[in-house]
Protein backbone atom coordinates (compact mmCIF):
# COMPACT_ATOMS: atom_id res chain seq x y z
CA UNK A 1 115.90 154.41 116.68
CA UNK A 2 115.65 151.51 113.84
CA UNK A 3 112.55 149.29 113.59
CA UNK A 4 113.88 147.00 110.41
CA UNK A 5 117.82 147.42 109.99
CA UNK A 6 118.97 145.91 112.65
CA UNK A 7 121.84 143.57 112.28
CA UNK A 8 121.86 140.67 110.16
CA UNK A 9 118.53 140.78 108.26
CA UNK A 10 116.69 137.23 107.78
CA UNK A 11 114.72 137.78 104.47
CA UNK A 12 111.17 136.12 105.39
CA UNK A 13 111.10 133.39 103.03
CA UNK A 14 107.89 131.42 102.38
CA UNK A 15 107.47 127.47 102.13
CA UNK A 16 104.30 126.01 100.44
CA UNK A 17 102.63 124.23 103.68
CA UNK A 18 100.26 126.77 104.61
CA UNK A 19 99.02 126.75 108.35
CA UNK A 20 97.34 129.32 110.55
CA UNK A 21 98.83 131.13 112.75
CA UNK A 22 96.17 131.39 115.36
CA UNK A 23 95.36 127.88 116.77
CA UNK A 24 91.55 127.43 115.66
CA UNK A 25 90.95 124.17 116.73
CA UNK A 26 92.42 121.30 119.00
CA UNK A 27 94.69 118.52 118.42
CA UNK A 28 93.51 114.77 119.00
CA UNK A 29 95.27 114.51 122.33
CA UNK A 30 93.36 118.41 123.01
CA UNK A 31 96.22 121.05 122.33
CA UNK A 32 95.43 123.97 120.62
CA UNK A 33 95.32 122.92 116.71
CA UNK A 34 96.55 125.36 114.12
CA UNK A 35 94.40 124.13 111.30
CA UNK A 36 95.75 124.29 107.44
CA UNK A 37 94.79 127.88 105.83
CA UNK A 38 94.27 126.86 102.24
CA UNK A 39 93.05 123.22 100.79
CA UNK A 40 95.90 122.16 99.33
CA UNK A 41 98.49 122.11 102.05
CA UNK A 42 96.27 120.07 103.96
CA UNK A 43 95.85 117.26 100.99
CA UNK A 44 99.73 117.52 100.34
CA UNK A 45 100.03 116.33 104.27
CA UNK A 46 97.33 113.88 103.77
CA UNK A 47 98.00 112.66 100.78
CA UNK A 48 101.66 111.67 101.43
CA UNK A 49 101.16 109.71 104.52
CA UNK A 50 97.69 108.18 103.43
CA UNK A 51 98.07 104.21 103.15
CA UNK A 52 94.38 104.25 101.78
CA UNK A 53 91.63 101.80 104.01
CA UNK A 54 93.61 101.97 107.00
CA UNK A 55 93.14 103.05 110.31
CA UNK A 56 95.61 105.63 111.96
CA UNK A 57 95.60 105.85 115.25
CA UNK A 58 93.44 108.93 116.36
CA UNK A 59 91.39 108.55 112.65
CA UNK A 60 89.27 105.56 111.29
CA UNK A 61 89.57 104.42 107.55
CA UNK A 62 86.22 105.83 106.62
CA UNK A 63 86.56 108.88 108.17
CA UNK A 64 90.19 109.62 106.78
CA UNK A 65 89.61 108.52 103.30
CA UNK A 66 86.20 110.39 102.56
CA UNK A 67 88.55 113.74 103.73
CA UNK A 68 91.14 112.89 101.50
CA UNK A 69 88.00 112.42 98.97
CA UNK A 70 86.72 115.57 99.45
CA UNK A 71 89.83 117.37 99.22
CA UNK A 72 91.00 116.03 95.94
CA UNK A 73 87.84 117.35 94.55
CA UNK A 74 87.89 120.53 95.85
CA UNK A 75 91.22 121.13 94.44
CA UNK A 76 91.11 119.26 91.37
CA UNK A 77 88.67 121.56 90.59
CA UNK A 78 90.20 124.61 91.68
CA UNK A 79 93.64 124.42 90.28
CA UNK A 80 93.68 121.80 87.86
CA UNK A 81 97.30 122.71 87.05
CA UNK A 82 98.71 121.76 91.04
CA UNK A 83 96.62 118.41 90.75
CA UNK A 84 98.53 118.21 87.05
CA UNK A 85 101.76 117.81 88.94
CA UNK A 86 100.81 116.82 92.04
CA UNK A 87 99.59 113.43 91.22
CA UNK A 88 102.44 112.16 89.20
CA UNK A 89 105.19 112.98 92.00
CA UNK A 90 102.58 111.46 94.70
CA UNK A 91 102.89 108.38 92.63
CA UNK A 92 106.76 108.59 91.49
CA UNK A 93 108.88 110.32 93.65
CA UNK A 94 106.62 110.15 96.89
CA UNK A 95 105.92 106.47 96.19
CA UNK A 96 102.19 106.65 97.66
CA UNK A 97 100.46 104.04 95.17
CA UNK A 98 96.85 103.94 96.47
CA UNK A 99 96.45 107.66 97.06
CA UNK A 100 97.70 108.72 93.75
CA UNK A 101 95.62 106.16 92.38
CA UNK A 102 92.30 106.72 94.05
CA UNK A 103 93.43 110.69 94.17
CA UNK A 104 93.71 110.76 90.15
CA UNK A 105 90.50 109.13 89.85
CA UNK A 106 88.47 110.99 91.92
CA UNK A 107 90.23 114.39 90.32
CA UNK A 108 88.75 113.10 87.47
CA UNK A 109 84.98 112.32 89.05
CA UNK A 110 84.66 115.73 90.08
CA UNK A 111 86.36 117.15 87.67
CA UNK A 112 83.49 115.67 85.17
CA UNK A 113 80.79 116.76 87.44
CA UNK A 114 81.76 120.11 87.44
CA UNK A 115 81.87 120.85 83.22
CA UNK A 116 85.31 120.12 83.19
CA UNK A 117 86.79 118.03 80.60
CA UNK A 118 90.71 119.10 79.58
CA UNK A 119 93.59 116.84 80.76
CA UNK A 120 91.54 114.05 82.51
CA UNK A 121 92.98 110.80 80.67
CA UNK A 122 96.52 111.98 81.35
CA UNK A 123 95.40 112.24 85.17
CA UNK A 124 94.91 108.84 85.23
CA UNK A 125 97.45 108.18 83.47
CA UNK A 126 100.04 109.47 85.08
CA UNK A 127 99.90 107.25 87.99
CA UNK A 128 100.02 104.29 86.55
CA UNK A 129 103.34 102.65 86.74
CA UNK A 130 102.91 99.35 87.72
CA UNK A 131 101.20 96.32 85.86
CA UNK A 132 98.88 95.53 88.45
CA UNK A 133 97.21 99.48 88.67
CA UNK A 134 95.26 99.07 85.92
CA UNK A 135 93.32 96.35 87.36
CA UNK A 136 93.52 98.36 90.97
CA UNK A 137 92.04 101.88 89.09
CA UNK A 138 89.43 99.67 87.50
CA UNK A 139 88.42 98.15 90.55
CA UNK A 140 88.45 100.58 92.62
CA UNK A 141 85.95 102.49 90.12
CA UNK A 142 83.63 99.90 89.81
CA UNK A 143 83.37 99.00 93.60
CA UNK A 144 82.86 102.55 94.02
CA UNK A 145 80.91 103.76 92.12
CA UNK A 146 79.78 100.76 89.43
CA UNK A 147 80.23 99.90 85.91
CA UNK A 148 79.32 102.62 84.07
CA UNK A 149 82.90 104.07 83.49
CA UNK A 150 83.74 107.55 81.67
CA UNK A 151 85.64 107.85 78.66
CA UNK A 152 88.85 109.70 80.29
CA UNK A 153 88.79 106.92 82.93
CA UNK A 154 89.38 103.85 80.10
CA UNK A 155 91.19 106.13 78.08
CA UNK A 156 93.89 106.63 81.04
CA UNK A 157 93.66 103.28 82.25
CA UNK A 158 94.02 101.68 78.54
CA UNK A 159 97.40 104.33 77.70
CA UNK A 160 98.71 103.00 80.81
CA UNK A 161 98.46 98.96 80.02
CA UNK A 162 99.71 99.82 75.90
CA UNK A 163 102.55 101.21 78.30
CA UNK A 164 103.14 98.49 80.62
CA UNK A 165 101.70 95.43 78.82
CA UNK A 166 104.36 93.35 77.88
CA UNK A 167 104.74 89.50 78.06
CA UNK A 168 106.65 89.93 81.75
CA UNK A 169 103.90 91.84 83.34
CA UNK A 170 101.38 90.41 81.78
CA UNK A 171 103.09 86.91 83.61
CA UNK A 172 104.32 88.20 86.30
CA UNK A 173 100.26 90.70 87.28
CA UNK A 174 98.41 88.95 84.90
CA UNK A 175 95.01 87.45 86.11
CA UNK A 176 95.65 85.37 88.97
CA UNK A 177 93.56 85.34 91.54
CA UNK A 178 92.68 88.79 90.76
CA UNK A 179 88.81 90.34 90.47
CA UNK A 180 89.55 91.56 87.67
CA UNK A 181 93.05 90.79 85.40
CA UNK A 182 94.48 91.60 82.60
CA UNK A 183 92.04 90.48 80.50
CA UNK A 184 89.47 92.26 82.04
CA UNK A 185 91.13 95.35 81.86
CA UNK A 186 91.62 94.69 78.02
CA UNK A 187 87.63 94.61 76.86
CA UNK A 188 86.78 97.23 79.57
CA UNK A 189 89.19 100.26 77.54
CA UNK A 190 89.99 98.81 74.57
CA UNK A 191 93.49 99.88 74.14
CA UNK A 192 95.15 99.98 71.21
CA UNK A 193 91.98 99.55 68.44
CA UNK A 194 90.66 103.72 68.25
CA UNK A 195 91.20 104.84 64.79
CA UNK A 196 93.08 108.77 65.18
CA UNK A 197 94.31 107.78 68.71
CA UNK A 198 97.34 109.86 70.48
CA UNK A 199 100.61 107.99 70.38
CA UNK A 200 99.97 107.71 73.61
CA UNK A 201 97.16 105.33 72.59
CA UNK A 202 99.42 103.08 70.28
CA UNK A 203 100.70 99.67 70.31
CA UNK A 204 104.34 99.16 70.98
CA UNK A 205 104.45 96.73 67.94
CA UNK A 206 102.94 93.85 66.16
CA UNK A 207 104.02 91.75 69.04
CA UNK A 208 101.68 93.66 71.41
CA UNK A 209 98.70 93.49 69.42
CA UNK A 210 99.82 89.54 69.51
CA UNK A 211 99.66 89.41 73.31
CA UNK A 212 96.80 91.20 73.86
CA UNK A 213 94.68 88.85 71.14
CA UNK A 214 96.09 86.13 73.33
CA UNK A 215 95.45 87.47 76.92
CA UNK A 216 91.17 88.05 75.71
CA UNK A 217 90.94 84.50 73.78
CA UNK A 218 92.62 82.29 76.79
CA UNK A 219 89.88 82.66 79.29
CA UNK A 220 87.27 81.35 76.89
CA UNK A 221 89.69 79.44 74.54
CA UNK A 222 92.18 77.74 76.96
CA UNK A 223 93.74 76.15 74.41
CA UNK A 224 94.53 78.99 72.43
CA UNK A 225 97.80 78.74 70.37
CA UNK A 226 100.77 80.98 71.75
CA UNK A 227 101.15 83.58 68.74
CA UNK A 228 105.21 82.74 67.34
CA UNK A 229 106.14 86.35 68.29
CA UNK A 230 105.77 85.85 72.17
CA UNK A 231 108.77 84.10 73.33
CA UNK A 232 108.39 84.41 76.87
CA UNK A 233 105.38 82.76 76.88
CA UNK A 234 106.54 80.28 74.87
CA UNK A 235 109.12 79.19 76.67
CA UNK A 236 107.35 79.14 80.12
CA UNK A 237 104.93 77.13 77.95
CA UNK A 238 107.33 74.33 77.65
CA UNK A 239 108.61 74.77 80.86
CA UNK A 240 104.99 74.28 82.62
CA UNK A 241 104.91 71.12 80.63
CA UNK A 242 108.15 69.49 81.63
CA UNK A 243 107.64 66.66 84.42
CA UNK A 244 107.42 67.67 87.84
CA UNK A 245 110.32 65.12 88.45
CA UNK A 246 112.69 66.72 85.88
CA UNK A 247 111.61 70.35 86.89
CA UNK A 248 114.51 70.63 89.36
CA UNK A 249 116.90 70.22 86.60
CA UNK A 250 116.24 73.73 84.88
CA UNK A 251 117.71 75.54 88.58
CA UNK A 252 120.96 74.68 87.19
CA UNK A 253 120.24 77.01 84.23
CA UNK A 254 118.91 80.05 85.85
CA UNK A 255 118.69 81.98 82.51
CA UNK A 256 116.09 79.66 81.50
CA UNK A 257 113.83 80.81 84.19
CA UNK A 258 114.73 84.48 83.62
CA UNK A 259 113.66 83.96 80.15
CA UNK A 260 110.71 82.17 80.40
CA UNK A 261 109.70 84.92 83.01
CA UNK A 262 109.63 82.51 86.19
CA UNK A 263 108.99 85.22 89.57
CA UNK A 264 110.08 83.64 92.95
CA UNK A 265 106.26 83.61 93.30
CA UNK A 266 105.92 81.36 91.23
CA UNK A 267 109.00 78.76 91.00
CA UNK A 268 108.03 76.89 94.36
CA UNK A 269 104.33 76.35 92.59
CA UNK A 270 106.37 75.43 89.39
CA UNK A 271 108.67 72.78 91.11
CA UNK A 272 106.23 71.65 93.46
CA UNK A 273 108.66 71.34 96.04
CA UNK A 274 110.43 73.34 98.78
CA UNK A 275 112.16 76.68 98.36
CA UNK A 276 116.07 75.48 99.19
CA UNK A 277 119.01 77.31 98.63
CA UNK A 278 119.23 75.71 95.22
CA UNK A 279 115.77 77.37 94.33
CA UNK A 280 116.64 80.77 95.88
CA UNK A 281 120.43 80.63 94.14
CA UNK A 282 118.95 80.10 90.92
CA UNK A 283 116.16 82.50 91.58
CA UNK A 284 117.88 85.17 93.25
CA UNK A 285 119.28 86.92 89.81
CA UNK A 286 116.55 87.86 88.42
CA UNK A 287 114.85 89.28 92.28
CA UNK A 288 114.09 93.14 92.13
CA UNK A 289 115.28 94.64 95.24
CA UNK A 290 112.07 94.98 96.87
CA UNK A 291 112.03 91.08 96.88
CA UNK A 292 115.87 90.45 97.55
CA UNK A 293 114.86 93.06 100.91
CA UNK A 294 111.49 91.34 101.98
CA UNK A 295 113.73 87.85 101.42
CA UNK A 296 116.25 87.97 103.20
CA UNK A 297 115.29 85.66 106.11
CA UNK A 298 113.85 83.16 103.61
CA UNK A 299 118.00 83.10 102.55
CA UNK A 300 119.15 82.47 105.46
CA UNK A 301 116.65 79.67 106.15
CA UNK A 302 117.76 78.09 103.26
CA UNK A 303 120.88 78.10 103.75
CA UNK A 304 122.15 79.84 100.36
CA UNK A 305 125.81 80.66 99.60
CA UNK A 306 127.87 83.21 100.52
CA UNK A 307 128.83 84.10 96.93
CA UNK A 308 124.77 84.54 96.27
CA UNK A 309 124.64 86.48 99.67
CA UNK A 310 127.60 88.75 97.92
CA UNK A 311 125.47 89.16 94.70
CA UNK A 312 122.27 90.47 97.35
CA UNK A 313 124.86 92.76 99.19
CA UNK A 314 125.92 93.93 96.02
CA UNK A 315 122.83 95.21 95.15
CA UNK A 316 121.66 96.66 98.51
CA UNK A 317 125.09 98.67 98.16
CA UNK A 318 124.61 100.14 94.86
CA UNK A 319 123.06 103.87 95.17
CA UNK A 320 121.40 103.47 91.69
CA UNK A 321 119.69 100.46 92.68
CA UNK A 322 118.23 101.86 95.51
CA UNK A 323 117.16 105.31 93.93
CA UNK A 324 115.43 103.73 90.94
CA UNK A 325 113.42 101.74 93.80
CA UNK A 326 112.25 104.37 96.09
CA UNK A 327 111.32 102.04 98.65
CA UNK A 328 110.66 104.10 102.01
CA UNK A 329 113.93 103.79 103.97
CA UNK A 330 111.92 102.28 107.32
CA UNK A 331 112.05 99.06 104.87
CA UNK A 332 115.68 98.33 104.78
CA UNK A 333 115.30 98.88 109.21
CA UNK A 334 112.32 96.50 109.14
CA UNK A 335 114.79 93.82 106.63
CA UNK A 336 117.21 94.79 109.32
CA UNK A 337 114.84 93.97 112.16
CA UNK A 338 113.69 90.53 110.35
CA UNK A 339 117.22 89.28 109.04
CA UNK A 340 118.55 86.24 111.84
CA UNK A 341 122.09 86.59 110.06
CA UNK A 342 124.80 89.59 110.88
CA UNK A 343 125.62 88.93 107.49
CA UNK A 344 122.98 91.32 105.96
CA UNK A 345 123.85 94.19 108.48
CA UNK A 346 126.50 96.05 106.64
CA UNK A 347 124.62 95.47 103.31
CA UNK A 348 120.93 96.88 104.89
CA UNK A 349 123.01 99.62 106.45
CA UNK A 350 124.39 100.89 102.80
CA UNK A 351 120.72 100.19 101.26
CA UNK A 352 119.10 102.89 104.37
CA UNK A 353 122.19 105.16 103.70
CA UNK A 354 121.77 105.85 100.19
CA UNK A 355 117.62 105.45 101.13
CA UNK A 356 118.20 108.77 102.57
CA UNK A 357 120.53 110.98 100.34
CA UNK A 358 118.27 113.34 100.58
CA UNK A 359 119.34 114.24 103.87
CA UNK A 360 121.32 117.55 103.98
CA UNK A 361 124.60 117.90 106.17
CA UNK A 362 123.40 121.16 108.07
CA UNK A 363 126.07 123.33 109.12
CA UNK A 364 125.89 125.21 112.62
CA UNK A 365 123.91 123.63 115.90
CA UNK A 366 120.68 121.56 115.62
CA UNK A 367 118.07 120.18 117.71
CA UNK A 368 116.67 117.12 116.73
CA UNK A 369 113.30 116.22 118.92
CA UNK A 370 111.46 112.51 117.67
CA UNK A 371 108.50 111.71 118.48
CA UNK A 372 107.84 108.57 120.35
CA UNK A 373 104.36 108.94 121.60
CA UNK A 374 101.70 106.25 122.27
CA UNK A 375 99.94 107.30 118.91
CA UNK A 376 103.54 107.02 116.86
CA UNK A 377 103.54 103.29 117.58
CA UNK A 378 100.50 102.87 115.50
CA UNK A 379 101.40 100.84 111.87
CA UNK A 380 101.93 102.60 109.14
CA UNK A 381 99.43 99.92 107.33
CA UNK A 382 97.86 96.89 108.96
CA UNK A 383 99.86 93.99 106.91
CA UNK A 384 103.36 96.09 107.35
CA UNK A 385 104.67 96.31 110.76
CA UNK A 386 105.94 98.95 110.47
CA UNK A 387 105.16 102.12 112.43
CA UNK A 388 105.53 105.85 112.79
CA UNK A 389 107.87 105.94 115.80
CA UNK A 390 110.65 104.30 114.15
CA UNK A 391 110.12 106.21 110.72
CA UNK A 392 110.72 108.72 112.87
CA UNK A 393 113.83 107.32 114.13
CA UNK A 394 115.16 106.37 111.53
CA UNK A 395 114.59 110.54 109.95
CA UNK A 396 115.56 112.15 113.26
CA UNK A 397 118.65 110.09 113.40
CA UNK A 398 120.13 110.02 110.02
CA UNK A 399 119.58 113.92 110.24
CA UNK A 400 121.64 114.10 113.66
CA UNK A 401 124.63 111.87 112.65
CA UNK A 402 124.70 113.91 109.56
CA UNK A 403 125.14 117.11 110.94
CA UNK A 404 128.08 119.74 111.95
CA UNK A 405 126.59 119.34 115.21
CA UNK A 406 123.49 118.09 116.85
CA UNK A 407 121.01 117.27 119.88
CA UNK A 408 119.12 113.97 118.81
CA UNK A 409 116.45 113.70 122.16
CA UNK A 410 113.12 111.61 122.34
CA UNK A 411 110.21 112.81 123.22
CA UNK A 412 106.34 111.52 124.66
CA UNK A 413 105.33 111.86 128.22
CA UNK A 414 108.76 113.15 128.94
CA UNK A 415 112.22 113.41 127.55
CA UNK A 416 115.75 112.50 126.89
CA UNK A 417 118.85 113.36 125.01
CA UNK A 418 119.92 110.48 122.42
CA UNK A 419 123.69 109.55 122.78
CA UNK A 420 124.41 109.36 118.90
CA UNK A 421 128.35 109.05 118.12
CA UNK A 422 130.28 110.64 115.25
CA UNK A 423 130.12 107.53 112.66
CA UNK A 424 128.49 104.67 114.21
CA UNK A 425 126.04 102.73 112.43
CA UNK A 426 122.84 104.54 111.65
CA UNK A 427 121.17 101.34 112.73
CA UNK A 428 122.84 100.95 116.16
CA UNK A 429 121.39 104.50 117.36
CA UNK A 430 118.28 103.14 116.51
CA UNK A 431 118.36 100.74 118.99
CA UNK A 432 118.78 103.62 121.68
CA UNK A 433 115.63 104.90 121.20
CA UNK A 434 111.71 103.97 123.31
CA UNK A 435 108.66 104.31 123.82
CA UNK A 436 107.40 107.29 126.33
CA UNK A 437 103.70 108.17 126.38
CA UNK A 438 102.65 110.70 125.87
CA UNK A 439 102.60 114.02 123.74
CA UNK A 440 104.05 116.43 125.44
CA UNK A 441 105.98 118.45 122.85
CA UNK A 442 106.16 121.94 124.02
CA UNK A 443 107.96 120.52 127.11
CA UNK A 444 111.18 118.91 125.45
CA UNK A 445 110.92 121.53 122.85
CA UNK A 446 111.46 124.20 126.42
CA UNK A 447 113.91 121.73 128.18
CA UNK A 448 116.34 120.84 125.46
CA UNK A 449 116.40 124.09 123.32
CA UNK A 450 119.73 125.80 124.43
CA UNK A 451 120.62 128.77 121.52
CA UNK A 452 120.41 126.21 118.85
CA UNK A 453 120.40 127.42 115.29
CA UNK A 454 117.36 125.16 114.30
CA UNK A 455 115.10 123.28 115.11
CA UNK A 456 113.43 119.86 113.72
CA UNK A 457 110.69 117.83 114.89
CA UNK A 458 109.94 114.43 113.57
CA UNK A 459 105.96 113.79 114.86
CA UNK A 460 102.07 113.20 114.45
CA UNK A 461 101.86 116.91 115.27
CA UNK A 462 99.51 116.02 118.11
CA UNK A 463 100.59 117.56 120.67
CA UNK A 464 99.12 117.94 124.69
CA UNK A 465 98.24 121.36 125.56
CA UNK A 466 100.71 121.27 128.71
CA UNK A 467 100.57 124.08 131.34
CA UNK A 468 103.17 126.37 129.69
CA UNK A 469 102.21 127.00 126.43
CA UNK A 470 100.67 123.74 123.91
CA UNK A 471 102.79 125.71 120.73
CA UNK A 472 106.04 124.19 120.41
CA UNK A 473 107.33 126.36 117.77
CA UNK A 474 106.52 129.50 120.17
CA UNK A 475 108.97 127.72 122.63
CA UNK A 476 112.68 129.10 120.04
CA UNK A 477 112.72 132.37 119.38
CA UNK A 478 111.27 133.99 116.49
CA UNK A 479 114.41 133.85 114.39
CA UNK A 480 115.60 130.48 114.75
CA UNK A 481 114.04 128.13 111.94
CA UNK A 482 111.72 125.26 113.36
CA UNK A 483 110.64 122.42 111.02
CA UNK A 484 107.89 120.29 111.45
CA UNK A 485 108.26 116.73 109.96
CA UNK A 486 104.66 115.45 110.04
CA UNK A 487 103.90 111.81 109.65
CA UNK A 488 100.84 111.01 109.55
CA UNK A 489 98.79 113.99 107.39
CA UNK A 490 95.77 114.96 110.43
CA UNK A 491 93.98 117.93 110.22
CA UNK A 492 95.50 120.06 112.87
CA UNK A 493 98.85 120.32 113.22
CA UNK A 494 101.04 121.84 116.24
CA UNK A 495 101.98 125.32 115.45
CA UNK A 496 102.05 127.77 112.48
CA UNK A 497 103.86 127.09 109.43
CA UNK A 498 104.76 128.42 106.01
CA UNK A 499 106.25 131.91 107.06
CA UNK A 500 108.34 133.09 109.60
CA UNK A 501 110.72 130.99 110.35
CA UNK A 502 108.39 128.23 111.00
CA UNK A 503 107.63 125.32 108.20
CA UNK A 504 106.55 122.13 107.88
CA UNK A 505 106.72 119.44 105.35
CA UNK A 506 105.36 115.75 105.29
CA UNK A 507 105.64 112.24 103.76
CA UNK A 508 107.39 108.96 104.43
CA UNK A 509 110.60 109.43 102.67
CA UNK A 510 113.66 111.67 102.43
CA UNK A 511 112.33 114.73 100.05
CA UNK A 512 110.90 116.83 102.34
CA UNK A 513 114.18 117.68 103.61
CA UNK A 514 115.89 119.09 100.68
CA UNK A 515 114.28 122.52 101.83
CA UNK A 516 115.52 122.84 105.17
CA UNK A 517 119.15 124.45 102.89
CA UNK A 518 116.95 125.99 100.52
CA UNK A 519 114.68 127.55 102.94
CA UNK A 520 118.06 128.36 104.84
CA UNK A 521 119.29 130.08 101.58
CA UNK A 522 117.19 132.87 101.92
CA UNK A 523 115.20 131.14 99.31
CA UNK A 524 111.28 130.48 99.24
CA UNK A 525 110.67 126.94 98.88
CA UNK A 526 107.73 125.35 96.20
CA UNK A 527 105.83 122.31 96.21
CA UNK A 528 108.70 119.63 95.05
CA UNK A 529 107.84 118.45 91.92
CA UNK A 530 107.88 122.54 90.69
């Protein structure tokens, strides 16, 4: 009797996050826990969910950050090529600012301690994408390890400040209220003035040389004249010199504000008055998408016109704008919950849909389970008010709405189906989710699996032990794929991963979903930057 050549043969495809097939530990809820079988897997799942310095439901910030540093140190020394690919992806596509910055600096520290000198400067530079981040990097290093800053760290930060050092960035991010400002970064890293430096270490032009010189002098000599080459600073200085009672006249010409680098954050202070409809309407054309989404409630309260609201809506509905922003999908849900006016509902729906562009349209029958247990309701970040339960609901509902045929289930202590209607609003469907108590994942899978072609579980993986077997993935036949999407990055998971139709992905963006069609096309899935 044939053992292997029987009917349709499903190749034994693999995925990059590897988890032990035999439980060797316990989840935080006491269920059998499957450890990640290599440091890269554990680091990946932790990094794509780690808001550095923030507590999670089960893990204190200090413990989580220490685990993160230890993993970075190990992988940076053992696999430099993997780390060199991972860090820019983590900062770029995964959009994890603090995690990538800390990881790069800790990686360099570990590599230098191990006597590994090549490529360290590039690791630091690769994660700095915004003009306030050079100061953030120096603040982290000095606050953690003191003022003895290694040359690769200085030069990597210097390369970044040369890339990002523009007049507008100085105005927006420069120095106000920061422990380490723009001038401090320049004094500590001395970018652009090293003989024989690489192309990455050269000034963009004479204007940048003038800008840096002005920035360094100004803290000690406030009357330093602005060089003629710095047109934005010159225009800004002229506006700042205007009598206060004449400033509102400038609102009639929004281009003057834009050319002077006046941001929405600075406008109220410059006007020395309220941000009324006229003020918002003048600054909206120069606001980025993140600032627009944050201020929808303010627009409504100020009474901005429908014409200006249409301009905002057009940006929200532009797929290229949303793609460039790399905003997490749950940001649009938070904006929808906060905005009082219905005029933002459809634009936010479109923005949310664009942010979920990687969610595939799966054939066959799909069972989607969304974790709504208490641990999922802990904030993603202390000041955000956003939680993993809502992120799970966003991702799970999007997958169900796009699938050819899907059953959507929410679970906790108990479990129940969530109705989704073909073609309906994603934001409307999200209103049907509840808080569900504990985490009895295995029972939810067992109760709702009915011969589906695949199972997707969006969760923090901290399952109960249960009465009849704790491994949720074990409740599904071995030849049916089970995809776990981990939103918290804890050490132990609820089941095996990496092969045998059991795969774990992670993160707060939709990028991981790309791997489902890849695996089902009988192709091994690799790390997302490869």
